[in-house]
Amino acid sequence: MSTVTIFQGDLRIATNVTMEDGSRAVGTRLSGAVSETVLDQGGTWVNPAFVVNDWYITAYEPIRDPTGRVIGVLYVGLLQAPFTHQLNVISAVFMTLILAATAASLILLFMANALVLAPIRHVVVMAQKIIGGDLSARVGIRPPGDMGTLCWAVDSIRPGRRSATGQRGPQSIAAGPVELDPERL
């Protein structure tokens, strides 16, 4: 709802601003801060202001006599509540979207982390079994890509395995790198 008022000095003499009982707010006074800016300094006030019984987005300008002396104030205002409500709704929707995107990102991050680290956990378990004396332990999985190649290579390294040179045991590791056949993956 828009409102308009004419002040003579700081006294409201014509207005469509209403009191709580529905009567026009004629005879009410200008606030101190607005009075100082507009009446005393001759400036313009364009800020939210509490007008009679509610907050408004307001503009107050001085009314001058022919000699330039400030004799009153012209006020226009819009009720602030509808704009505040819209701002609150937009802010709530924006914050909800941000929270949903953050939650989805975290879920995807944890899922990707689990998928990437699962083969490594298998390799660690296999290594612990070998350290514990189970020389038949194998990784036993073949994920796609480089991780599958790594798992195959780790499974290929075992004590007592014959190398390409026909040696057994640790010496086979010193014989050189094992060529990986991508077809076997």
Protein backbone atom coordinates (compact mmCIF):
# COMPACT_ATOMS: atom_id res chain seq x y z
CA MET A 1 0.00 0.00 0.00
CA SER A 2 1.38 3.41 -0.92
CA THR A 3 1.00 6.43 1.33
CA VAL A 4 1.38 10.18 0.83
CA THR A 5 1.59 12.97 3.41
CA ILE A 6 2.06 16.73 3.46
CA PHE A 7 3.68 18.14 6.61
CA GLN A 8 3.51 21.78 7.65
CA GLY A 9 6.70 22.08 9.64
CA ASP A 10 6.83 18.71 11.36
CA LEU A 11 3.00 18.37 11.69
CA ARG A 12 1.12 15.99 9.41
CA ILE A 13 -1.74 18.09 7.89
CA ALA A 14 -2.91 15.93 4.95
CA THR A 15 -2.39 12.18 4.59
CA ASN A 16 -3.77 8.82 3.64
CA VAL A 17 -1.71 7.15 6.42
CA THR A 18 -4.14 5.58 8.90
CA MET A 19 -4.01 4.94 12.61
CA GLU A 20 -4.74 1.52 14.12
CA ASP A 21 -8.40 2.52 14.55
CA GLY A 22 -8.69 3.33 10.82
CA SER A 23 -8.74 7.12 11.18
CA ARG A 24 -6.30 9.29 9.23
CA ALA A 25 -3.07 10.12 11.06
CA VAL A 26 -3.55 13.89 10.72
CA GLY A 27 -1.90 15.76 13.61
CA THR A 28 0.95 13.30 14.14
CA ARG A 29 4.55 14.50 14.07
CA LEU A 30 7.56 13.78 11.88
CA SER A 31 10.25 11.57 13.48
CA GLY A 32 13.31 13.28 14.94
CA ALA A 33 15.84 11.84 12.46
CA VAL A 34 13.71 12.74 9.43
CA SER A 35 12.93 16.20 10.84
CA GLU A 36 16.62 16.94 11.34
CA THR A 37 17.60 15.81 7.82
CA VAL A 38 14.70 17.38 5.89
CA LEU A 39 13.50 20.39 7.93
CA ASP A 40 16.74 21.48 9.62
CA GLN A 41 19.28 20.61 6.89
CA GLY A 42 17.00 20.91 3.81
CA GLY A 43 18.09 17.46 2.61
CA THR A 44 16.18 14.46 1.27
CA TRP A 45 15.50 11.34 3.34
CA VAL A 46 15.27 8.12 1.31
CA ASN A 47 15.35 5.24 3.79
CA PRO A 48 13.04 2.84 5.56
CA ALA A 49 11.16 4.59 8.32
CA PHE A 50 8.58 3.70 10.94
CA VAL A 51 5.45 5.68 9.96
CA VAL A 52 2.69 5.83 12.61
CA ASN A 53 2.28 2.04 13.07
CA ASP A 54 4.35 0.20 10.44
CA TRP A 55 7.63 0.21 8.51
CA TYR A 56 7.64 1.85 5.08
CA ILE A 57 10.14 2.38 2.29
CA THR A 58 10.07 6.16 2.32
CA ALA A 59 11.16 9.35 0.62
CA TYR A 60 10.82 12.75 2.32
CA GLU A 61 11.62 16.01 0.51
CA PRO A 62 11.46 19.56 1.80
CA ILE A 63 8.69 21.95 0.71
CA ARG A 64 10.10 25.45 0.30
CA ASP A 65 8.48 28.88 0.23
CA PRO A 66 9.30 31.36 -2.57
CA THR A 67 12.35 32.58 -0.63
CA GLY A 68 13.78 29.01 -0.38
CA ARG A 69 13.06 28.55 3.31
CA VAL A 70 11.90 25.02 4.28
CA ILE A 71 8.29 25.24 5.49
CA GLY A 72 7.19 21.61 5.30
CA VAL A 73 7.80 18.13 4.00
CA LEU A 74 6.33 15.97 1.23
CA TYR A 75 6.33 12.26 2.06
CA VAL A 76 5.67 9.18 -0.08
CA GLY A 77 6.02 5.62 1.12
CA LEU A 78 5.39 1.97 0.32
CA LEU A 79 4.59 -0.58 2.98
CA GLN A 80 7.83 -2.53 3.54
CA ALA A 81 6.27 -5.86 4.62
CA PRO A 82 5.46 -7.23 1.13
CA PHE A 83 9.02 -6.57 -0.04
CA THR A 84 10.48 -8.06 3.13
CA HIS A 85 8.30 -11.15 2.72
CA GLN A 86 9.45 -11.62 -0.88
CA LEU A 87 13.06 -11.15 0.17
CA ASN A 88 12.63 -13.74 2.93
CA VAL A 89 11.03 -16.24 0.54
CA ILE A 90 13.79 -15.76 -2.05
CA SER A 91 16.46 -16.07 0.65
CA ALA A 92 14.86 -19.26 2.02
CA VAL A 93 14.66 -20.83 -1.45
CA PHE A 94 18.26 -19.85 -2.20
CA MET A 95 19.51 -21.25 1.13
CA THR A 96 17.54 -24.47 0.57
CA LEU A 97 19.13 -24.87 -2.87
CA ILE A 98 22.59 -24.22 -1.45
CA LEU A 99 22.06 -26.77 1.33
CA ALA A 100 20.69 -29.37 -1.10
CA ALA A 101 23.61 -28.86 -3.49
CA THR A 102 26.07 -29.12 -0.60
CA ALA A 103 24.45 -32.32 0.68
CA ALA A 104 24.40 -33.85 -2.81
CA SER A 105 28.05 -32.90 -3.34
CA LEU A 106 29.06 -34.47 -0.04
CA ILE A 107 27.16 -37.68 -0.82
CA LEU A 108 28.78 -37.89 -4.26
CA LEU A 109 32.19 -37.16 -2.75
CA PHE A 110 31.84 -39.97 -0.19
CA MET A 111 30.56 -42.40 -2.84
CA ALA A 112 33.41 -41.57 -5.24
CA ASN A 113 35.91 -41.83 -2.40
CA ALA A 114 34.58 -45.27 -1.45
CA LEU A 115 34.71 -46.48 -5.06
CA VAL A 116 38.25 -45.25 -5.60
CA LEU A 117 39.62 -46.52 -2.29
CA ALA A 118 37.91 -49.96 -2.27
CA PRO A 119 40.53 -51.63 -4.51
CA ILE A 120 43.32 -50.14 -2.41
CA ARG A 121 41.73 -51.62 0.70
CA HIS A 122 41.75 -55.03 -1.02
CA VAL A 123 45.46 -54.63 -1.81
CA VAL A 124 46.18 -53.67 1.83
CA VAL A 125 44.23 -56.70 3.14
CA MET A 126 46.14 -58.97 0.76
CA ALA A 127 49.50 -57.52 1.86
CA GLN A 128 48.56 -57.99 5.53
CA LYS A 129 47.66 -61.64 4.85
CA ILE A 130 51.01 -62.22 3.14
CA ILE A 131 52.83 -60.54 6.04
CA GLY A 132 50.86 -62.85 8.35
CA GLY A 133 52.14 -65.87 6.43
CA ASP A 134 49.29 -66.60 4.01
CA LEU A 135 51.28 -66.78 0.78
CA SER A 136 48.22 -67.79 -1.21
CA ALA A 137 46.47 -64.42 -0.59
CA ARG A 138 45.31 -62.55 -3.67
CA VAL A 139 43.61 -59.20 -4.27
CA GLY A 140 40.96 -61.02 -6.29
CA ILE A 141 39.28 -58.02 -7.93
CA ARG A 142 39.76 -56.39 -11.32
CA PRO A 143 38.26 -52.91 -11.44
CA PRO A 144 38.46 -51.15 -14.79
CA GLY A 145 41.42 -49.04 -15.82
CA ASP A 146 44.73 -48.50 -14.09
CA MET A 147 43.44 -49.78 -10.75
CA GLY A 148 42.65 -53.14 -12.40
CA THR A 149 46.15 -53.23 -13.84
CA LEU A 150 47.57 -52.52 -10.38
CA CYS A 151 45.46 -55.27 -8.78
CA TRP A 152 46.57 -57.78 -11.45
CA ALA A 153 50.21 -56.76 -10.96
CA VAL A 154 49.97 -57.13 -7.17
CA ASP A 155 48.36 -60.56 -7.58
CA SER A 156 51.24 -61.49 -9.89
CA ILE A 157 53.87 -60.69 -7.26
CA ARG A 158 54.09 -63.67 -4.93
CA PRO A 159 56.94 -65.58 -3.37
CA GLY A 160 57.95 -68.70 -5.22
CA ARG A 161 56.60 -67.55 -8.57
CA ARG A 162 58.83 -68.37 -11.52
CA SER A 163 60.05 -65.36 -13.43
CA ALA A 164 60.69 -65.17 -17.12
CA THR A 165 64.27 -66.25 -16.35
CA GLY A 166 63.06 -69.41 -14.60
CA GLN A 167 64.20 -68.28 -11.15
CA ARG A 168 62.03 -68.64 -8.04
CA GLY A 169 61.53 -66.37 -5.06
CA PRO A 170 62.84 -62.89 -4.41
CA GLN A 171 65.39 -63.18 -7.21
CA SER A 172 62.54 -63.14 -9.73
CA ILE A 173 61.70 -59.58 -8.69
CA ALA A 174 65.27 -58.50 -9.38
CA ALA A 175 65.07 -60.03 -12.86
CA GLY A 176 63.20 -57.01 -14.14
CA PRO A 177 59.71 -55.67 -14.63
CA VAL A 178 56.83 -57.94 -15.44
CA GLU A 179 55.10 -57.11 -18.70
CA LEU A 180 51.37 -56.72 -18.17
CA ASP A 181 49.06 -58.10 -20.77
CA PRO A 182 45.97 -55.83 -21.00
CA GLU A 183 44.02 -58.73 -22.50
CA ARG A 184 44.32 -60.65 -19.22
CA LEU A 185 42.64 -57.87 -17.21
